[in-house]
């Protein structure tokens, strides 16, 4: 992990097109501004984790549904 020290109104660059700026430091909270291209997703870590979990659950549900349909379509033994 890279650790940097920045003050309010100072920035860091990530790659060539993502800029993270410290907007305000108040007590134990830091407000950040992030400028990135529209095609770059920017989420808080907990939101990103929730999205990943929801996507995994959706894939599992789709696989279960596909298996159920396959069982329904399979020829019945005589």
Protein backbone atom coordinates (compact mmCIF):
# COMPACT_ATOMS: atom_id res chain seq x y z
CA UNK A 1 0.00 0.00 0.00
CA UNK A 2 1.29 3.42 -0.93
CA UNK A 3 0.79 5.96 1.88
CA UNK A 4 0.82 9.66 1.00
CA UNK A 5 0.37 12.76 3.12
CA UNK A 6 -1.78 15.51 1.61
CA UNK A 7 -3.39 18.65 2.97
CA UNK A 8 -6.66 20.29 1.98
CA UNK A 9 -6.68 21.39 -1.68
CA UNK A 10 -3.82 19.04 -2.56
CA UNK A 11 -4.26 16.17 -5.02
CA UNK A 12 -2.82 12.89 -6.15
CA UNK A 13 -2.92 11.40 -9.63
CA UNK A 14 -3.89 7.80 -10.37
CA UNK A 15 -2.76 6.95 -13.86
CA UNK A 16 -3.17 9.76 -16.36
CA UNK A 17 -6.84 10.54 -15.89
CA UNK A 18 -7.92 10.07 -12.25
CA UNK A 19 -7.37 12.92 -9.78
CA UNK A 20 -8.13 12.58 -6.07
CA UNK A 21 -8.26 15.90 -4.20
CA UNK A 22 -8.47 16.42 -0.44
CA UNK A 23 -11.34 18.88 -0.06
CA UNK A 24 -11.55 19.14 3.70
CA UNK A 25 -10.16 17.57 6.86
CA UNK A 26 -12.41 17.87 9.90
CA UNK A 27 -11.52 15.82 12.96
CA UNK A 28 -11.29 12.18 11.93
CA UNK A 29 -13.14 12.71 8.64
CA UNK A 30 -11.60 13.53 5.29
CA UNK A 31 -13.68 14.73 2.33
CA UNK A 32 -12.27 13.69 -1.02
CA UNK A 33 -13.14 14.82 -4.52
CA UNK A 34 -12.52 12.34 -7.32
CA UNK A 35 -12.32 13.34 -10.96
CA UNK A 36 -12.34 10.37 -13.33
CA UNK A 37 -13.63 9.54 -16.80
CA UNK A 38 -17.26 8.39 -16.96
CA UNK A 39 -16.21 4.87 -17.91
CA UNK A 40 -14.32 4.48 -14.60
CA UNK A 41 -16.55 3.24 -11.76
CA UNK A 42 -15.92 5.00 -8.45
CA UNK A 43 -17.58 3.55 -5.33
CA UNK A 44 -17.03 3.52 -1.60
CA UNK A 45 -15.51 0.18 -0.63
CA UNK A 46 -18.62 -1.04 1.22
CA UNK A 47 -20.85 -0.17 -1.76
CA UNK A 48 -18.48 -1.97 -4.12
CA UNK A 49 -18.55 -5.08 -1.90
CA UNK A 50 -22.37 -5.00 -1.79
CA UNK A 51 -22.53 -4.73 -5.59
CA UNK A 52 -20.17 -7.69 -5.99
CA UNK A 53 -22.24 -9.80 -3.57
CA UNK A 54 -25.46 -8.90 -5.40
CA UNK A 55 -23.88 -9.81 -8.75
CA UNK A 56 -22.65 -13.16 -7.40
CA UNK A 57 -26.11 -13.92 -6.01
CA UNK A 58 -27.72 -13.03 -9.36
CA UNK A 59 -25.35 -15.37 -11.21
CA UNK A 60 -26.14 -18.22 -8.81
CA UNK A 61 -29.87 -17.60 -9.16
CA UNK A 62 -29.54 -17.58 -12.96
CA UNK A 63 -27.61 -20.85 -12.87
CA UNK A 64 -30.25 -22.41 -10.60
CA UNK A 65 -33.04 -21.20 -12.89
CA UNK A 66 -31.25 -22.56 -15.98
CA UNK A 67 -30.79 -25.95 -14.27
CA UNK A 68 -34.49 -26.02 -13.34
CA UNK A 69 -35.53 -25.29 -16.92
CA UNK A 70 -33.16 -27.97 -18.20
CA UNK A 71 -34.73 -30.51 -15.82
CA UNK A 72 -38.20 -29.56 -17.04
CA UNK A 73 -37.18 -29.94 -20.68
CA UNK A 74 -35.36 -33.23 -20.19
CA UNK A 75 -37.20 -36.29 -21.53
CA UNK A 76 -38.91 -38.30 -18.83
CA UNK A 77 -37.74 -41.89 -18.42
CA UNK A 78 -40.29 -44.52 -19.49
